[in-house]
Amino acid sequence: MPALYIMIPVALLIVAVAIYVFFWAVDSGQYDDLDGPAHSILFDDQDPGHKAGVDEASGKNGQKPDEKDIG
């Protein structure tokens, strides 16, 4: 029984700290954009020096286009 006199206030203190940390995280903007980082991994970075996609689209990659690509 004497252990309850220590465990109950400690449990309440832990809950109070958890609530404080949660509200601090909300106020500091930790939960503002949940979808942005998850979707950003799907897209390549914009590299202005990267020409592979442009060369492939224009047919300058050294290969002749297939007949089905001509139209």
N, C-alpha and C. Protein backbone atom coordinates (compact mmCIF):
# COMPACT_ATOMS: atom_id res chain seq x y z
N MET A 1 0.80 -1.20 0.00
CA MET A 1 0.00 0.00 0.00
C MET A 1 0.85 1.28 0.00
N PRO A 2 1.97 1.33 0.71
CA PRO A 2 2.78 2.55 0.70
C PRO A 2 3.37 2.85 -0.68
N ALA A 3 3.53 1.83 -1.50
CA ALA A 3 4.06 2.07 -2.84
C ALA A 3 3.10 2.90 -3.68
N LEU A 4 1.81 2.78 -3.42
CA LEU A 4 0.82 3.57 -4.16
C LEU A 4 0.98 5.06 -3.89
N TYR A 5 1.43 5.41 -2.70
CA TYR A 5 1.61 6.82 -2.36
C TYR A 5 2.74 7.45 -3.18
N ILE A 6 3.61 6.64 -3.69
CA ILE A 6 4.70 7.13 -4.55
C ILE A 6 4.33 6.97 -6.03
N MET A 7 3.73 5.84 -6.40
CA MET A 7 3.47 5.53 -7.80
C MET A 7 2.39 6.42 -8.42
N ILE A 8 1.36 6.76 -7.67
CA ILE A 8 0.28 7.59 -8.22
C ILE A 8 0.79 9.00 -8.55
N PRO A 9 1.50 9.69 -7.65
CA PRO A 9 2.03 11.01 -8.04
C PRO A 9 3.05 10.94 -9.17
N VAL A 10 3.86 9.89 -9.21
CA VAL A 10 4.82 9.74 -10.31
C VAL A 10 4.09 9.54 -11.63
N ALA A 11 3.04 8.74 -11.63
CA ALA A 11 2.26 8.52 -12.85
C ALA A 11 1.58 9.81 -13.31
N LEU A 12 1.06 10.58 -12.36
CA LEU A 12 0.43 11.86 -12.72
C LEU A 12 1.46 12.84 -13.26
N LEU A 13 2.66 12.81 -12.71
CA LEU A 13 3.73 13.68 -13.20
C LEU A 13 4.13 13.29 -14.63
N ILE A 14 4.22 12.02 -14.90
CA ILE A 14 4.56 11.55 -16.25
C ILE A 14 3.48 11.95 -17.25
N VAL A 15 2.22 11.83 -16.87
CA VAL A 15 1.11 12.23 -17.75
C VAL A 15 1.16 13.73 -18.00
N ALA A 16 1.44 14.52 -16.96
CA ALA A 16 1.52 15.97 -17.12
C ALA A 16 2.66 16.36 -18.06
N VAL A 17 3.80 15.70 -17.94
CA VAL A 17 4.92 15.97 -18.83
C VAL A 17 4.58 15.59 -20.27
N ALA A 18 3.91 14.46 -20.45
CA ALA A 18 3.53 14.03 -21.80
C ALA A 18 2.55 15.02 -22.43
N ILE A 19 1.60 15.50 -21.66
CA ILE A 19 0.64 16.49 -22.17
C ILE A 19 1.36 17.78 -22.53
N TYR A 20 2.29 18.22 -21.67
CA TYR A 20 3.06 19.43 -21.95
C TYR A 20 3.86 19.28 -23.24
N VAL A 21 4.53 18.15 -23.43
CA VAL A 21 5.33 17.93 -24.64
C VAL A 21 4.44 17.90 -25.88
N PHE A 22 3.27 17.29 -25.77
CA PHE A 22 2.35 17.26 -26.91
C PHE A 22 1.91 18.66 -27.31
N PHE A 23 1.49 19.47 -26.34
CA PHE A 23 1.04 20.82 -26.67
C PHE A 23 2.20 21.69 -27.15
N TRP A 24 3.41 21.47 -26.63
CA TRP A 24 4.57 22.19 -27.14
C TRP A 24 4.82 21.84 -28.61
N ALA A 25 4.70 20.57 -28.97
CA ALA A 25 4.92 20.13 -30.34
C ALA A 25 3.87 20.73 -31.28
N VAL A 26 2.63 20.78 -30.83
CA VAL A 26 1.57 21.36 -31.66
C VAL A 26 1.81 22.85 -31.86
N ASP A 27 2.17 23.56 -30.79
CA ASP A 27 2.39 25.00 -30.89
C ASP A 27 3.62 25.35 -31.71
N SER A 28 4.62 24.49 -31.72
CA SER A 28 5.84 24.79 -32.46
C SER A 28 5.75 24.38 -33.93
N GLY A 29 4.62 23.81 -34.35
CA GLY A 29 4.42 23.49 -35.77
C GLY A 29 4.91 22.13 -36.19
N GLN A 30 5.08 21.21 -35.27
CA GLN A 30 5.57 19.89 -35.62
C GLN A 30 4.56 19.09 -36.44
N TYR A 31 3.29 19.42 -36.34
CA TYR A 31 2.25 18.66 -37.03
C TYR A 31 1.59 19.47 -38.15
N ASP A 32 2.24 20.52 -38.64
CA ASP A 32 1.63 21.37 -39.65
C ASP A 32 1.47 20.67 -41.00
N ASP A 33 2.52 20.02 -41.48
CA ASP A 33 2.48 19.40 -42.80
C ASP A 33 2.86 17.93 -42.68
N LEU A 34 1.87 17.07 -42.57
CA LEU A 34 2.13 15.65 -42.42
C LEU A 34 2.31 14.94 -43.76
N ASP A 35 1.71 15.47 -44.83
CA ASP A 35 1.76 14.80 -46.12
C ASP A 35 2.94 15.23 -46.99
N GLY A 36 3.44 16.43 -46.80
CA GLY A 36 4.52 16.95 -47.65
C GLY A 36 5.76 16.08 -47.67
N PRO A 37 6.35 15.76 -46.53
CA PRO A 37 7.55 14.92 -46.55
C PRO A 37 7.29 13.52 -47.10
N ALA A 38 6.11 13.00 -46.88
CA ALA A 38 5.81 11.65 -47.39
C ALA A 38 5.72 11.64 -48.91
N HIS A 39 5.21 12.72 -49.50
CA HIS A 39 5.08 12.77 -50.96
C HIS A 39 6.36 13.25 -51.62
N SER A 40 7.18 14.01 -50.92
CA SER A 40 8.38 14.57 -51.55
C SER A 40 9.39 13.49 -51.92
N ILE A 41 9.35 12.35 -51.27
CA ILE A 41 10.30 11.28 -51.61
C ILE A 41 9.97 10.67 -52.97
N LEU A 42 8.76 10.86 -53.46
CA LEU A 42 8.36 10.27 -54.74
C LEU A 42 8.86 11.07 -55.93
N PHE A 43 9.26 12.32 -55.72
CA PHE A 43 9.67 13.19 -56.82
C PHE A 43 11.17 13.40 -56.80
N ASP A 44 11.77 13.46 -58.00
CA ASP A 44 13.20 13.72 -58.11
C ASP A 44 13.47 15.18 -57.79
N ASP A 45 14.68 15.43 -57.33
CA ASP A 45 15.10 16.81 -57.12
C ASP A 45 15.26 17.49 -58.47
N GLN A 46 15.02 18.77 -58.51
CA GLN A 46 15.18 19.52 -59.74
C GLN A 46 16.67 19.84 -59.91
N ASP A 47 17.30 19.22 -60.89
CA ASP A 47 18.71 19.43 -61.15
C ASP A 47 18.84 20.11 -62.51
N PRO A 48 19.21 21.40 -62.54
CA PRO A 48 19.27 22.10 -63.84
C PRO A 48 20.37 21.57 -64.75
N GLY A 49 21.38 20.90 -64.22
CA GLY A 49 22.45 20.37 -65.05
C GLY A 49 22.15 19.00 -65.62
N HIS A 50 21.03 18.42 -65.26
CA HIS A 50 20.67 17.07 -65.68
C HIS A 50 19.91 17.15 -67.00
N LYS A 51 20.47 16.56 -68.06
CA LYS A 51 19.89 16.68 -69.40
C LYS A 51 19.32 15.37 -69.93
N ALA A 52 19.33 14.30 -69.17
CA ALA A 52 18.92 13.00 -69.71
C ALA A 52 17.46 12.99 -70.13
N GLY A 53 16.59 13.56 -69.32
CA GLY A 53 15.17 13.58 -69.66
C GLY A 53 14.89 14.43 -70.88
N VAL A 54 15.60 15.55 -71.02
CA VAL A 54 15.41 16.44 -72.16
C VAL A 54 15.94 15.77 -73.42
N ASP A 55 17.11 15.14 -73.34
CA ASP A 55 17.68 14.47 -74.50
C ASP A 55 16.80 13.30 -74.96
N GLU A 56 16.27 12.55 -74.03
CA GLU A 56 15.42 11.42 -74.39
C GLU A 56 14.14 11.88 -75.06
N ALA A 57 13.56 12.95 -74.57
CA ALA A 57 12.31 13.45 -75.14
C ALA A 57 12.53 14.04 -76.52
N SER A 58 13.69 14.62 -76.78
CA SER A 58 13.93 15.23 -78.08
C SER A 58 14.56 14.27 -79.08
N GLY A 59 14.93 13.06 -78.65
CA GLY A 59 15.51 12.06 -79.54
C GLY A 59 16.99 12.25 -79.78
N LYS A 60 17.69 12.96 -78.91
CA LYS A 60 19.11 13.24 -79.08
C LYS A 60 20.00 12.27 -78.31
N ASN A 61 19.48 11.12 -77.98
CA ASN A 61 20.27 10.19 -77.18
C ASN A 61 21.08 9.22 -78.03
N GLY A 62 21.19 9.46 -79.33
CA GLY A 62 22.02 8.63 -80.19
C GLY A 62 21.29 7.45 -80.80
N GLN A 63 20.05 7.25 -80.52
CA GLN A 63 19.29 6.15 -81.08
C GLN A 63 18.22 6.71 -82.01
N LYS A 64 17.93 5.92 -83.05
CA LYS A 64 16.84 6.31 -83.93
C LYS A 64 15.51 5.99 -83.25
N PRO A 65 14.53 6.85 -83.38
CA PRO A 65 13.23 6.54 -82.79
C PRO A 65 12.56 5.37 -83.50
N ASP A 66 11.81 4.61 -82.77
CA ASP A 66 11.07 3.49 -83.37
C ASP A 66 9.97 4.04 -84.27
N GLU A 67 9.48 3.16 -85.16
CA GLU A 67 8.42 3.60 -86.07
C GLU A 67 7.15 3.94 -85.30
N LYS A 68 6.90 3.26 -84.18
CA LYS A 68 5.71 3.56 -83.42
C LYS A 68 5.82 4.91 -82.72
N ASP A 69 7.05 5.39 -82.50
CA ASP A 69 7.25 6.68 -81.86
C ASP A 69 7.07 7.84 -82.83
N ILE A 70 7.23 7.56 -84.14
CA ILE A 70 7.12 8.63 -85.13
C ILE A 70 5.69 9.10 -85.27
N GLY A 71 4.78 8.22 -85.15
CA GLY A 71 3.41 8.71 -85.16
C GLY A 71 2.58 7.94 -86.05
